[in-house]
Amino acid sequence: MLRLFVGNLPNTCDEAALNVWFEQRGHEVSFTQVVRDRLTGHSRGFGFVELKGASNLEETIKSLHGQAMLGRVLTVNAATPKLPRGGAIHPQPA
């Protein structure tokens, strides 16, 4: 299973539209998420997609990166693991 970051999403894009966009390009989707602003609920312009059955990350990204969705050119990259939030980590004095 491949997890992808998708950036430069159109403002009107929701999970269903993102799912359909990937499926129209021959990919089986297991999960989609459009990241939203906590206060307004509006899309922040990026999201994540998990693909079933896709095994070659580089070829999948190459085939999708730079394609248009509703007039916007998408950025598609490998998703990186979410880092823990909090303050800066400082070394403890010895």
N, C-alpha and C. Protein backbone atom coordinates (compact mmCIF):
# COMPACT_ATOMS: atom_id res chain seq x y z
N MET A 1 0.85 -1.17 0.00
CA MET A 1 0.00 0.00 0.00
C MET A 1 0.90 1.24 0.00
N LEU A 2 0.59 2.19 -0.88
CA LEU A 2 1.36 3.43 -0.98
C LEU A 2 0.57 4.58 -0.37
N ARG A 3 1.25 5.41 0.41
CA ARG A 3 0.62 6.60 0.97
C ARG A 3 1.25 7.81 0.29
N LEU A 4 0.39 8.64 -0.32
CA LEU A 4 0.84 9.79 -1.10
C LEU A 4 0.37 11.10 -0.49
N PHE A 5 1.20 12.12 -0.62
CA PHE A 5 0.83 13.50 -0.32
C PHE A 5 0.37 14.12 -1.63
N VAL A 6 -0.76 14.83 -1.61
CA VAL A 6 -1.28 15.49 -2.80
C VAL A 6 -1.46 16.97 -2.45
N GLY A 7 -0.72 17.83 -3.13
CA GLY A 7 -0.78 19.26 -2.86
C GLY A 7 -1.36 20.04 -4.01
N ASN A 8 -1.70 21.30 -3.74
CA ASN A 8 -2.30 22.25 -4.67
C ASN A 8 -3.70 21.82 -5.10
N LEU A 9 -4.44 21.23 -4.16
CA LEU A 9 -5.81 20.81 -4.45
C LEU A 9 -6.71 22.01 -4.66
N PRO A 10 -7.69 21.90 -5.57
CA PRO A 10 -8.67 22.97 -5.73
C PRO A 10 -9.46 23.18 -4.44
N ASN A 11 -9.92 24.39 -4.20
CA ASN A 11 -10.67 24.71 -2.98
C ASN A 11 -11.94 23.88 -2.85
N THR A 12 -12.51 23.48 -3.96
CA THR A 12 -13.77 22.73 -3.93
C THR A 12 -13.57 21.23 -3.79
N CYS A 13 -12.32 20.78 -3.74
CA CYS A 13 -12.03 19.34 -3.67
C CYS A 13 -12.36 18.78 -2.29
N ASP A 14 -13.07 17.67 -2.28
CA ASP A 14 -13.33 16.94 -1.04
C ASP A 14 -12.82 15.51 -1.22
N GLU A 15 -13.01 14.68 -0.21
CA GLU A 15 -12.51 13.31 -0.25
C GLU A 15 -13.09 12.53 -1.42
N ALA A 16 -14.38 12.69 -1.67
CA ALA A 16 -15.03 11.95 -2.76
C ALA A 16 -14.43 12.32 -4.11
N ALA A 17 -14.23 13.61 -4.34
CA ALA A 17 -13.66 14.07 -5.62
C ALA A 17 -12.22 13.57 -5.79
N LEU A 18 -11.45 13.58 -4.71
CA LEU A 18 -10.07 13.10 -4.77
C LEU A 18 -10.04 11.60 -5.06
N ASN A 19 -10.94 10.87 -4.44
CA ASN A 19 -11.06 9.43 -4.67
C ASN A 19 -11.38 9.15 -6.14
N VAL A 20 -12.35 9.86 -6.68
CA VAL A 20 -12.75 9.67 -8.08
C VAL A 20 -11.60 10.01 -9.02
N TRP A 21 -10.87 11.10 -8.73
CA TRP A 21 -9.75 11.52 -9.58
C TRP A 21 -8.71 10.41 -9.69
N PHE A 22 -8.35 9.79 -8.57
CA PHE A 22 -7.36 8.71 -8.58
C PHE A 22 -7.91 7.46 -9.27
N GLU A 23 -9.17 7.13 -9.02
CA GLU A 23 -9.75 5.94 -9.64
C GLU A 23 -9.88 6.10 -11.15
N GLN A 24 -10.14 7.31 -11.64
CA GLN A 24 -10.21 7.55 -13.08
C GLN A 24 -8.85 7.35 -13.75
N ARG A 25 -7.80 7.39 -12.97
CA ARG A 25 -6.45 7.17 -13.49
C ARG A 25 -5.96 5.75 -13.23
N GLY A 26 -6.89 4.86 -12.87
CA GLY A 26 -6.59 3.44 -12.77
C GLY A 26 -6.04 2.97 -11.45
N HIS A 27 -6.22 3.74 -10.39
CA HIS A 27 -5.70 3.35 -9.08
C HIS A 27 -6.85 2.99 -8.14
N GLU A 28 -6.64 1.94 -7.37
CA GLU A 28 -7.61 1.53 -6.37
C GLU A 28 -7.27 2.23 -5.06
N VAL A 29 -8.20 3.02 -4.56
CA VAL A 29 -7.97 3.85 -3.38
C VAL A 29 -8.55 3.17 -2.14
N SER A 30 -7.75 3.16 -1.06
CA SER A 30 -8.25 2.61 0.20
C SER A 30 -8.56 3.71 1.21
N PHE A 31 -7.98 4.91 1.03
CA PHE A 31 -8.18 5.99 2.00
C PHE A 31 -7.88 7.32 1.32
N THR A 32 -8.72 8.33 1.58
CA THR A 32 -8.43 9.70 1.15
C THR A 32 -8.73 10.64 2.31
N GLN A 33 -7.95 11.71 2.38
CA GLN A 33 -8.17 12.73 3.39
C GLN A 33 -7.78 14.08 2.80
N VAL A 34 -8.70 15.03 2.83
CA VAL A 34 -8.40 16.41 2.50
C VAL A 34 -8.25 17.13 3.82
N VAL A 35 -7.09 17.73 4.04
CA VAL A 35 -6.83 18.40 5.31
C VAL A 35 -7.57 19.73 5.34
N ARG A 36 -8.28 19.98 6.45
CA ARG A 36 -9.13 21.16 6.58
C ARG A 36 -8.67 22.04 7.75
N ASP A 37 -8.96 23.33 7.62
CA ASP A 37 -8.69 24.28 8.70
C ASP A 37 -9.62 23.97 9.87
N ARG A 38 -9.09 23.96 11.06
CA ARG A 38 -9.89 23.60 12.24
C ARG A 38 -11.00 24.59 12.52
N LEU A 39 -10.76 25.86 12.27
CA LEU A 39 -11.77 26.89 12.59
C LEU A 39 -12.83 27.05 11.51
N THR A 40 -12.40 27.10 10.24
CA THR A 40 -13.35 27.37 9.17
C THR A 40 -13.89 26.12 8.48
N GLY A 41 -13.15 25.02 8.57
CA GLY A 41 -13.55 23.81 7.87
C GLY A 41 -13.21 23.81 6.39
N HIS A 42 -12.59 24.90 5.90
CA HIS A 42 -12.20 24.98 4.49
C HIS A 42 -10.95 24.15 4.24
N SER A 43 -10.83 23.65 3.02
CA SER A 43 -9.66 22.88 2.63
C SER A 43 -8.41 23.73 2.75
N ARG A 44 -7.32 23.11 3.21
CA ARG A 44 -6.04 23.79 3.30
C ARG A 44 -5.22 23.58 2.02
N GLY A 45 -5.80 22.91 1.04
CA GLY A 45 -5.17 22.76 -0.27
C GLY A 45 -4.28 21.55 -0.42
N PHE A 46 -4.32 20.63 0.55
CA PHE A 46 -3.54 19.41 0.41
C PHE A 46 -4.26 18.26 1.10
N GLY A 47 -3.80 17.06 0.80
CA GLY A 47 -4.41 15.89 1.40
C GLY A 47 -3.52 14.67 1.24
N PHE A 48 -4.08 13.52 1.62
CA PHE A 48 -3.34 12.27 1.57
C PHE A 48 -4.22 11.20 0.94
N VAL A 49 -3.57 10.29 0.22
CA VAL A 49 -4.27 9.20 -0.44
C VAL A 49 -3.46 7.92 -0.22
N GLU A 50 -4.15 6.84 0.12
CA GLU A 50 -3.52 5.53 0.20
C GLU A 50 -4.05 4.69 -0.95
N LEU A 51 -3.13 4.10 -1.70
CA LEU A 51 -3.49 3.29 -2.85
C LEU A 51 -3.27 1.81 -2.55
N LYS A 52 -4.25 1.00 -2.92
CA LYS A 52 -4.13 -0.46 -2.79
C LYS A 52 -3.48 -1.00 -4.06
N GLY A 53 -2.67 -2.01 -3.90
CA GLY A 53 -2.14 -2.71 -5.06
C GLY A 53 -1.03 -1.99 -5.81
N ALA A 54 -0.77 -0.74 -5.53
CA ALA A 54 0.33 -0.03 -6.19
C ALA A 54 1.62 -0.41 -5.49
N SER A 55 2.60 -0.84 -6.26
CA SER A 55 3.83 -1.31 -5.62
C SER A 55 5.05 -0.46 -5.96
N ASN A 56 5.02 0.25 -7.08
CA ASN A 56 6.19 1.03 -7.48
C ASN A 56 5.93 2.50 -7.20
N LEU A 57 6.49 2.99 -6.12
CA LEU A 57 6.25 4.36 -5.68
C LEU A 57 6.69 5.37 -6.73
N GLU A 58 7.89 5.22 -7.27
CA GLU A 58 8.42 6.19 -8.22
C GLU A 58 7.57 6.28 -9.49
N GLU A 59 7.17 5.14 -10.03
CA GLU A 59 6.35 5.14 -11.24
C GLU A 59 4.97 5.74 -10.98
N THR A 60 4.39 5.44 -9.83
CA THR A 60 3.08 5.98 -9.49
C THR A 60 3.15 7.50 -9.37
N ILE A 61 4.15 8.00 -8.67
CA ILE A 61 4.29 9.46 -8.51
C ILE A 61 4.54 10.10 -9.87
N LYS A 62 5.42 9.51 -10.67
CA LYS A 62 5.73 10.07 -11.98
C LYS A 62 4.49 10.17 -12.87
N SER A 63 3.60 9.18 -12.76
CA SER A 63 2.39 9.18 -13.59
C SER A 63 1.34 10.19 -13.13
N LEU A 64 1.40 10.62 -11.87
CA LEU A 64 0.36 11.50 -11.32
C LEU A 64 0.83 12.94 -11.09
N HIS A 65 2.10 13.12 -10.74
CA HIS A 65 2.63 14.46 -10.44
C HIS A 65 2.52 15.36 -11.67
N GLY A 66 1.99 16.57 -11.48
CA GLY A 66 1.89 17.53 -12.57
C GLY A 66 0.60 17.44 -13.37
N GLN A 67 -0.26 16.48 -13.06
CA GLN A 67 -1.54 16.39 -13.76
C GLN A 67 -2.51 17.41 -13.17
N ALA A 68 -3.49 17.80 -13.96
CA ALA A 68 -4.45 18.84 -13.55
C ALA A 68 -5.71 18.22 -12.95
N MET A 69 -6.24 18.94 -11.95
CA MET A 69 -7.53 18.61 -11.36
C MET A 69 -8.30 19.92 -11.22
N LEU A 70 -9.39 20.04 -11.95
CA LEU A 70 -10.22 21.25 -11.92
C LEU A 70 -9.38 22.51 -12.12
N GLY A 71 -8.46 22.44 -13.09
CA GLY A 71 -7.66 23.61 -13.43
C GLY A 71 -6.43 23.84 -12.57
N ARG A 72 -6.16 22.99 -11.60
CA ARG A 72 -4.98 23.13 -10.74
C ARG A 72 -4.01 22.00 -11.03
N VAL A 73 -2.73 22.34 -11.15
CA VAL A 73 -1.69 21.33 -11.37
C VAL A 73 -1.30 20.76 -10.01
N LEU A 74 -1.47 19.45 -9.85
CA LEU A 74 -1.24 18.82 -8.56
C LEU A 74 0.22 18.46 -8.33
N THR A 75 0.60 18.51 -7.06
CA THR A 75 1.89 18.02 -6.60
C THR A 75 1.63 16.68 -5.92
N VAL A 76 2.31 15.64 -6.37
CA VAL A 76 2.13 14.32 -5.78
C VAL A 76 3.51 13.82 -5.36
N ASN A 77 3.65 13.50 -4.08
CA ASN A 77 4.90 13.00 -3.52
C ASN A 77 4.59 11.85 -2.56
N ALA A 78 5.65 11.15 -2.15
CA ALA A 78 5.50 10.15 -1.10
C ALA A 78 5.20 10.88 0.20
N ALA A 79 4.23 10.39 0.94
CA ALA A 79 3.89 10.99 2.24
C ALA A 79 4.95 10.59 3.25
N THR A 80 5.33 11.53 4.09
CA THR A 80 6.29 11.24 5.15
C THR A 80 5.54 11.05 6.45
N PRO A 81 6.06 10.25 7.35
CA PRO A 81 5.37 10.04 8.63
C PRO A 81 5.21 11.36 9.39
N LYS A 82 4.09 11.48 10.08
CA LYS A 82 3.83 12.67 10.86
C LYS A 82 4.74 12.69 12.09
N LEU A 83 5.41 13.81 12.29
CA LEU A 83 6.29 13.95 13.44
C LEU A 83 5.49 14.36 14.66
N PRO A 84 5.92 13.95 15.85
CA PRO A 84 5.20 14.36 17.06
C PRO A 84 5.25 15.88 17.21
N ARG A 85 4.14 16.43 17.67
CA ARG A 85 4.07 17.87 17.86
C ARG A 85 4.47 18.22 19.28
N GLY A 86 4.80 19.45 19.46
CA GLY A 86 5.22 19.91 20.77
C GLY A 86 6.32 20.93 20.60
N GLY A 87 6.94 21.27 21.65
CA GLY A 87 8.02 22.24 21.58
C GLY A 87 9.28 21.63 21.03
N ALA A 88 10.29 22.47 20.95
CA ALA A 88 11.59 21.99 20.48
C ALA A 88 12.16 21.02 21.50
N ILE A 89 12.89 20.08 21.00
CA ILE A 89 13.51 19.10 21.89
C ILE A 89 14.91 19.61 22.24
N HIS A 90 15.16 19.77 23.51
CA HIS A 90 16.46 20.25 23.98
C HIS A 90 17.15 19.13 24.75
N PRO A 91 18.45 19.01 24.55
CA PRO A 91 19.17 17.97 25.31
C PRO A 91 19.15 18.27 26.79
N GLN A 92 19.06 17.23 27.57
CA GLN A 92 19.06 17.39 29.03
C GLN A 92 20.49 17.59 29.51
N PRO A 93 20.70 18.51 30.44
CA PRO A 93 22.06 18.71 30.97
C PRO A 93 22.52 17.47 31.71
N ALA A 94 23.80 17.20 31.61
CA ALA A 94 24.36 16.01 32.26
C ALA A 94 24.65 16.25 33.71
